[in-house]
N, C-alpha and C. Protein backbone atom coordinates (compact mmCIF):
# COMPACT_ATOMS: atom_id res chain seq x y z
N MET A 1 86.17 76.66 94.10
CA MET A 1 86.51 76.98 95.46
C MET A 1 85.21 77.14 96.27
N ILE A 2 85.18 76.57 97.45
CA ILE A 2 84.03 76.68 98.32
C ILE A 2 84.06 78.05 98.99
N ALA A 3 82.92 78.73 98.98
CA ALA A 3 82.84 80.07 99.57
C ALA A 3 83.08 79.99 101.08
N LYS A 4 83.86 80.92 101.58
CA LYS A 4 84.15 81.01 103.01
C LYS A 4 82.94 81.57 103.75
N THR A 5 82.84 81.24 105.03
CA THR A 5 81.79 81.78 105.88
C THR A 5 82.44 82.58 107.00
N VAL A 6 81.62 83.27 107.79
CA VAL A 6 82.15 84.04 108.91
C VAL A 6 82.86 83.14 109.92
N PHE A 7 82.56 81.85 109.91
CA PHE A 7 83.19 80.93 110.84
C PHE A 7 84.57 80.48 110.37
N ASP A 8 84.94 80.86 109.14
CA ASP A 8 86.30 80.63 108.65
C ASP A 8 87.25 81.76 109.05
N CYS A 9 86.71 82.80 109.66
CA CYS A 9 87.51 83.90 110.19
C CYS A 9 87.95 83.48 111.59
N THR A 10 89.26 83.41 111.80
CA THR A 10 89.74 82.83 113.05
C THR A 10 90.60 83.80 113.85
N LEU A 11 90.39 83.75 115.16
CA LEU A 11 91.26 84.47 116.09
C LEU A 11 92.55 83.67 116.23
N ILE A 12 93.66 84.36 116.16
CA ILE A 12 94.97 83.72 116.30
C ILE A 12 95.70 84.40 117.44
N TYR A 13 96.14 83.59 118.39
CA TYR A 13 96.90 84.09 119.53
C TYR A 13 98.37 84.06 119.17
N LEU A 14 99.00 85.21 119.20
CA LEU A 14 100.39 85.37 118.80
C LEU A 14 101.32 85.19 120.00
N ASN A 15 102.50 84.69 119.73
CA ASN A 15 103.49 84.50 120.77
C ASN A 15 103.86 85.85 121.40
N GLN A 16 103.87 85.89 122.69
CA GLN A 16 104.18 87.11 123.42
C GLN A 16 105.33 86.82 124.37
N ILE A 17 106.38 87.62 124.29
CA ILE A 17 107.54 87.46 125.16
C ILE A 17 107.66 88.73 125.99
N GLY A 18 107.88 88.56 127.29
CA GLY A 18 108.05 89.76 128.11
C GLY A 18 107.92 89.50 129.58
N ASP A 19 107.95 90.60 130.30
CA ASP A 19 107.82 90.57 131.75
C ASP A 19 107.27 91.92 132.18
N ARG A 20 107.44 92.29 133.43
CA ARG A 20 106.87 93.53 133.93
C ARG A 20 107.46 94.77 133.25
N ASN A 21 108.56 94.61 132.52
CA ASN A 21 109.19 95.73 131.82
C ASN A 21 108.64 95.92 130.41
N GLY A 22 107.75 95.05 129.97
CA GLY A 22 107.16 95.19 128.63
C GLY A 22 107.14 93.89 127.87
N HIS A 23 106.53 93.93 126.69
CA HIS A 23 106.35 92.73 125.88
C HIS A 23 106.71 93.01 124.42
N ILE A 24 106.97 91.93 123.70
CA ILE A 24 107.19 91.98 122.27
C ILE A 24 106.45 90.81 121.64
N THR A 25 105.85 91.07 120.50
CA THR A 25 105.20 90.02 119.71
C THR A 25 105.74 90.14 118.30
N ALA A 26 106.30 89.05 117.79
CA ALA A 26 106.84 89.03 116.43
C ALA A 26 105.93 88.18 115.55
N ILE A 27 105.76 88.61 114.31
CA ILE A 27 104.93 87.87 113.36
C ILE A 27 105.80 87.54 112.15
N ASN A 28 106.01 86.25 111.92
CA ASN A 28 106.82 85.81 110.79
C ASN A 28 105.92 85.31 109.67
N ASN A 29 106.29 85.63 108.43
CA ASN A 29 105.51 85.19 107.27
C ASN A 29 105.28 83.69 107.28
N ASP A 30 104.06 83.30 106.96
CA ASP A 30 103.66 81.90 106.82
C ASP A 30 103.84 81.05 108.08
N GLU A 31 104.06 81.68 109.23
CA GLU A 31 104.19 80.91 110.48
C GLU A 31 103.01 81.19 111.39
N ALA A 32 102.97 82.35 111.98
CA ALA A 32 101.90 82.69 112.92
C ALA A 32 100.58 82.89 112.20
N ILE A 33 100.64 83.43 111.00
CA ILE A 33 99.43 83.67 110.22
C ILE A 33 99.50 82.85 108.93
N PRO A 34 98.35 82.48 108.36
CA PRO A 34 98.34 81.50 107.26
C PRO A 34 98.59 82.07 105.86
N PHE A 35 99.40 83.12 105.75
CA PHE A 35 99.76 83.65 104.44
C PHE A 35 101.01 84.51 104.58
N ALA A 36 101.66 84.76 103.46
CA ALA A 36 102.81 85.65 103.44
C ALA A 36 102.32 87.10 103.34
N VAL A 37 102.89 87.95 104.15
CA VAL A 37 102.49 89.36 104.18
C VAL A 37 103.20 90.12 103.06
N ASN A 38 102.40 90.82 102.25
CA ASN A 38 102.94 91.65 101.18
C ASN A 38 102.61 93.13 101.35
N ARG A 39 101.78 93.44 102.33
CA ARG A 39 101.40 94.83 102.58
C ARG A 39 101.04 94.97 104.05
N VAL A 40 101.49 96.06 104.66
CA VAL A 40 101.15 96.39 106.04
C VAL A 40 100.67 97.83 106.06
N PHE A 41 99.55 98.06 106.73
CA PHE A 41 99.09 99.43 106.94
C PHE A 41 98.36 99.49 108.27
N TYR A 42 98.12 100.69 108.75
CA TYR A 42 97.41 100.83 110.01
C TYR A 42 96.50 102.04 109.98
N LEU A 43 95.40 101.91 110.71
CA LEU A 43 94.39 102.96 110.84
C LEU A 43 94.54 103.57 112.22
N TYR A 44 94.51 104.88 112.30
CA TYR A 44 94.66 105.56 113.59
C TYR A 44 93.98 106.92 113.55
N ASP A 45 93.91 107.58 114.68
CA ASP A 45 93.22 108.87 114.82
C ASP A 45 91.74 108.75 114.43
N ILE A 46 91.17 107.59 114.67
CA ILE A 46 89.75 107.38 114.39
C ILE A 46 88.97 107.80 115.63
N PRO A 47 88.04 108.72 115.49
CA PRO A 47 87.27 109.16 116.67
C PRO A 47 86.56 107.99 117.35
N GLY A 48 86.51 108.03 118.68
CA GLY A 48 85.83 106.98 119.45
C GLY A 48 84.42 106.73 118.94
N GLY A 49 84.06 105.45 118.80
CA GLY A 49 82.73 105.07 118.36
C GLY A 49 82.56 105.01 116.85
N GLU A 50 83.55 105.48 116.09
CA GLU A 50 83.44 105.50 114.62
C GLU A 50 83.70 104.13 114.01
N SER A 51 83.42 104.02 112.70
CA SER A 51 83.56 102.77 111.96
C SER A 51 84.40 102.99 110.71
N ARG A 52 85.01 101.92 110.22
CA ARG A 52 85.80 101.93 108.98
C ARG A 52 85.56 100.62 108.25
N GLY A 53 86.12 100.50 107.07
CA GLY A 53 86.03 99.25 106.33
C GLY A 53 84.77 99.18 105.50
N ALA A 54 83.94 98.20 105.77
CA ALA A 54 82.72 97.92 105.01
C ALA A 54 83.04 97.62 103.56
N HIS A 55 83.78 96.52 103.36
CA HIS A 55 84.09 96.04 102.03
C HIS A 55 84.53 94.57 102.14
N ALA A 56 84.73 93.95 100.99
CA ALA A 56 85.25 92.59 100.92
C ALA A 56 86.39 92.57 99.91
N HIS A 57 87.17 91.51 99.96
CA HIS A 57 88.25 91.30 98.99
C HIS A 57 87.97 90.03 98.20
N LYS A 58 88.32 90.05 96.93
CA LYS A 58 88.15 88.88 96.07
C LYS A 58 89.25 87.85 96.31
N GLU A 59 90.50 88.30 96.51
CA GLU A 59 91.63 87.39 96.65
C GLU A 59 92.49 87.62 97.89
N CYS A 60 92.44 88.79 98.44
CA CYS A 60 93.35 89.18 99.52
C CYS A 60 92.91 88.66 100.88
N HIS A 61 93.84 88.04 101.59
CA HIS A 61 93.66 87.68 103.00
C HIS A 61 94.09 88.87 103.83
N GLN A 62 93.45 89.06 104.99
CA GLN A 62 93.86 90.11 105.91
C GLN A 62 93.98 89.55 107.31
N PHE A 63 94.88 90.14 108.08
CA PHE A 63 95.06 89.80 109.48
C PHE A 63 95.07 91.11 110.26
N LEU A 64 94.08 91.29 111.14
CA LEU A 64 93.91 92.54 111.87
C LEU A 64 94.27 92.35 113.33
N VAL A 65 94.97 93.36 113.88
CA VAL A 65 95.38 93.36 115.28
C VAL A 65 95.05 94.73 115.87
N ALA A 66 94.57 94.75 117.10
CA ALA A 66 94.41 96.01 117.82
C ALA A 66 95.76 96.30 118.46
N ALA A 67 96.62 97.04 117.74
CA ALA A 67 97.95 97.37 118.26
C ALA A 67 97.84 98.24 119.51
N SER A 68 96.74 98.98 119.59
CA SER A 68 96.44 99.80 120.77
C SER A 68 94.93 99.97 120.83
N GLY A 69 94.38 100.05 122.03
CA GLY A 69 92.95 100.26 122.17
C GLY A 69 92.13 99.04 121.81
N ALA A 70 90.92 99.29 121.34
CA ALA A 70 90.00 98.20 121.04
C ALA A 70 89.04 98.61 119.93
N TYR A 71 88.56 97.63 119.20
CA TYR A 71 87.51 97.82 118.21
C TYR A 71 86.90 96.45 117.93
N GLU A 72 85.78 96.47 117.24
CA GLU A 72 85.10 95.23 116.87
C GLU A 72 85.11 95.11 115.35
N ILE A 73 85.01 93.88 114.89
CA ILE A 73 84.88 93.62 113.46
C ILE A 73 83.56 92.91 113.25
N LEU A 74 82.73 93.52 112.41
CA LEU A 74 81.46 92.91 112.03
C LEU A 74 81.71 92.15 110.73
N LEU A 75 81.59 90.83 110.80
CA LEU A 75 81.82 89.94 109.67
C LEU A 75 80.48 89.52 109.09
N ASN A 76 80.45 89.38 107.75
CA ASN A 76 79.20 89.04 107.08
C ASN A 76 79.55 88.22 105.85
N ASP A 77 78.90 87.07 105.70
CA ASP A 77 79.12 86.25 104.50
C ASP A 77 77.91 86.24 103.57
N GLY A 78 77.00 87.17 103.79
CA GLY A 78 75.80 87.25 102.98
C GLY A 78 74.62 86.51 103.57
N LYS A 79 74.89 85.60 104.49
CA LYS A 79 73.84 84.84 105.17
C LYS A 79 73.91 84.99 106.68
N THR A 80 75.13 85.03 107.20
CA THR A 80 75.35 85.06 108.64
C THR A 80 76.26 86.22 108.99
N GLN A 81 75.98 86.85 110.16
CA GLN A 81 76.85 87.88 110.68
C GLN A 81 77.48 87.38 111.97
N ARG A 82 78.68 87.87 112.23
CA ARG A 82 79.40 87.52 113.46
C ARG A 82 80.21 88.75 113.87
N GLN A 83 80.25 89.04 115.14
CA GLN A 83 80.99 90.19 115.64
C GLN A 83 82.12 89.71 116.53
N VAL A 84 83.32 90.25 116.29
CA VAL A 84 84.51 89.84 117.03
C VAL A 84 85.17 91.08 117.62
N MET A 85 85.53 91.02 118.89
CA MET A 85 86.23 92.13 119.57
C MET A 85 87.73 91.88 119.52
N LEU A 86 88.47 92.90 119.14
CA LEU A 86 89.94 92.86 119.24
C LEU A 86 90.34 93.92 120.26
N ASN A 87 91.06 93.50 121.30
CA ASN A 87 91.45 94.44 122.34
C ASN A 87 92.77 94.08 123.01
N ARG A 88 93.52 93.16 122.40
CA ARG A 88 94.84 92.78 122.92
C ARG A 88 95.84 92.74 121.76
N PRO A 89 97.03 93.29 121.93
CA PRO A 89 97.98 93.36 120.82
C PRO A 89 98.64 92.03 120.45
N ASN A 90 98.33 90.98 121.18
CA ASN A 90 98.88 89.67 120.83
C ASN A 90 97.79 88.71 120.32
N VAL A 91 96.66 89.26 119.92
CA VAL A 91 95.57 88.46 119.34
C VAL A 91 95.11 89.17 118.07
N GLY A 92 95.03 88.41 116.98
CA GLY A 92 94.57 88.99 115.72
C GLY A 92 93.49 88.15 115.09
N LEU A 93 92.85 88.72 114.09
CA LEU A 93 91.77 88.03 113.38
C LEU A 93 92.16 87.85 111.92
N HIS A 94 92.16 86.61 111.46
CA HIS A 94 92.39 86.30 110.05
C HIS A 94 91.06 86.36 109.32
N ILE A 95 91.01 87.19 108.28
CA ILE A 95 89.81 87.30 107.45
C ILE A 95 90.19 86.83 106.04
N PRO A 96 89.69 85.67 105.62
CA PRO A 96 90.00 85.20 104.28
C PRO A 96 89.23 86.00 103.22
N PRO A 97 89.62 85.87 101.96
CA PRO A 97 88.88 86.59 100.91
C PRO A 97 87.42 86.13 100.86
N GLY A 98 86.56 87.03 100.38
CA GLY A 98 85.15 86.68 100.21
C GLY A 98 84.28 86.97 101.41
N ILE A 99 84.83 87.64 102.43
CA ILE A 99 84.05 87.99 103.62
C ILE A 99 83.90 89.50 103.68
N TRP A 100 82.68 89.98 103.88
CA TRP A 100 82.41 91.40 104.05
C TRP A 100 82.77 91.76 105.49
N ALA A 101 83.61 92.76 105.68
CA ALA A 101 84.07 93.12 107.02
C ALA A 101 84.00 94.63 107.24
N SER A 102 83.57 95.00 108.43
CA SER A 102 83.53 96.40 108.87
C SER A 102 84.18 96.48 110.24
N GLU A 103 85.09 97.43 110.42
CA GLU A 103 85.66 97.68 111.73
C GLU A 103 84.79 98.74 112.39
N ILE A 104 84.29 98.44 113.59
CA ILE A 104 83.29 99.32 114.23
C ILE A 104 83.66 99.58 115.68
N ASN A 105 83.03 100.60 116.24
CA ASN A 105 83.12 100.90 117.68
C ASN A 105 84.56 101.06 118.18
N PHE A 106 85.35 101.85 117.47
CA PHE A 106 86.73 102.09 117.89
C PHE A 106 86.74 102.83 119.22
N SER A 107 87.61 102.40 120.12
CA SER A 107 87.86 103.19 121.33
C SER A 107 88.80 104.32 120.95
N SER A 108 88.77 105.39 121.71
CA SER A 108 89.62 106.54 121.45
C SER A 108 91.08 106.13 121.49
N GLY A 109 91.86 106.55 120.52
CA GLY A 109 93.29 106.24 120.49
C GLY A 109 93.63 104.87 119.95
N SER A 110 92.67 104.15 119.39
CA SER A 110 92.94 102.81 118.86
C SER A 110 93.82 102.87 117.62
N ILE A 111 94.60 101.80 117.47
CA ILE A 111 95.38 101.60 116.25
C ILE A 111 95.02 100.22 115.72
N CYS A 112 94.51 100.18 114.49
CA CYS A 112 94.16 98.93 113.81
C CYS A 112 95.29 98.61 112.84
N LEU A 113 96.09 97.59 113.16
CA LEU A 113 97.18 97.14 112.33
C LEU A 113 96.66 96.06 111.38
N VAL A 114 96.91 96.23 110.09
CA VAL A 114 96.43 95.29 109.09
C VAL A 114 97.60 94.74 108.29
N MET A 115 97.69 93.42 108.20
CA MET A 115 98.65 92.74 107.35
C MET A 115 97.87 92.05 106.25
N ALA A 116 98.29 92.25 105.01
CA ALA A 116 97.55 91.74 103.87
C ALA A 116 98.42 90.84 102.99
N SER A 117 97.78 89.87 102.36
CA SER A 117 98.50 88.93 101.50
C SER A 117 98.86 89.53 100.14
N HIS A 118 98.19 90.60 99.75
CA HIS A 118 98.41 91.21 98.44
C HIS A 118 98.72 92.70 98.60
N THR A 119 99.44 93.24 97.64
CA THR A 119 99.62 94.68 97.60
C THR A 119 98.29 95.30 97.18
N TYR A 120 98.18 96.61 97.34
CA TYR A 120 96.91 97.29 97.04
C TYR A 120 96.54 97.14 95.57
N SER A 121 95.29 96.76 95.32
CA SER A 121 94.72 96.72 93.98
C SER A 121 93.23 97.04 94.11
N GLU A 122 92.82 98.14 93.55
CA GLU A 122 91.41 98.53 93.62
C GLU A 122 90.51 97.45 93.04
N ASN A 123 91.00 96.69 92.06
CA ASN A 123 90.19 95.63 91.44
C ASN A 123 89.87 94.49 92.39
N ASP A 124 90.62 94.38 93.48
CA ASP A 124 90.38 93.31 94.45
C ASP A 124 89.26 93.66 95.43
N TYR A 125 88.89 94.93 95.50
CA TYR A 125 87.89 95.39 96.46
C TYR A 125 86.48 95.25 95.92
N ILE A 126 85.56 94.86 96.79
CA ILE A 126 84.13 94.93 96.53
C ILE A 126 83.60 95.93 97.55
N ARG A 127 83.19 97.09 97.08
CA ARG A 127 82.85 98.19 97.99
C ARG A 127 81.34 98.39 98.17
N GLU A 128 80.54 97.81 97.30
CA GLU A 128 79.08 97.93 97.41
C GLU A 128 78.52 96.58 97.86
N TYR A 129 77.68 96.62 98.90
CA TYR A 129 77.15 95.37 99.43
C TYR A 129 76.32 94.60 98.39
N SER A 130 75.58 95.30 97.55
CA SER A 130 74.79 94.62 96.51
C SER A 130 75.72 93.89 95.53
N ASP A 131 76.87 94.48 95.21
CA ASP A 131 77.86 93.80 94.35
C ASP A 131 78.44 92.59 95.07
N TYR A 132 78.61 92.72 96.38
CA TYR A 132 79.12 91.60 97.17
C TYR A 132 78.17 90.40 97.11
N LEU A 133 76.88 90.67 97.26
CA LEU A 133 75.90 89.58 97.20
C LEU A 133 75.92 88.91 95.83
N LYS A 134 76.11 89.69 94.77
CA LYS A 134 76.23 89.11 93.42
C LYS A 134 77.50 88.26 93.33
N PHE A 135 78.60 88.76 93.89
CA PHE A 135 79.86 88.03 93.91
C PHE A 135 79.68 86.69 94.63
N ARG A 136 78.93 86.70 95.71
CA ARG A 136 78.67 85.48 96.46
C ARG A 136 77.56 84.63 95.82
N GLU A 137 76.94 85.17 94.78
CA GLU A 137 75.82 84.52 94.08
C GLU A 137 74.67 84.23 95.03
N LEU A 138 74.32 85.24 95.84
CA LEU A 138 73.19 85.10 96.78
C LEU A 138 72.00 85.88 96.29
């Protein structure tokens, strides 16, 4: 398998239906995002300006949405870094396995919604950057 780069992380614009009375965005497995969702979780009550994440996955794909507020994702493939802002609930970021990602600069009251291709497995996480570089063989 060819190692993914930060440029393989893609913004996906989700279908939004609504009018002045409000909006709805639906996400169907294997349609809007390029994998079937097996786990959903969300981060909230994160103080403004704080960071979360700072890890990579060996097999798990993730799709992140700013359900409320805004935050940035710092992507790193061991050679290149890229920063992406999420601040609309109908736009998400697909992060394939093998990318080091940190969620940073949360605005107050933000909700980070995460959809994952795999259920939780500690063995899928790479939590130390030096281990990540070894995993990437850099």
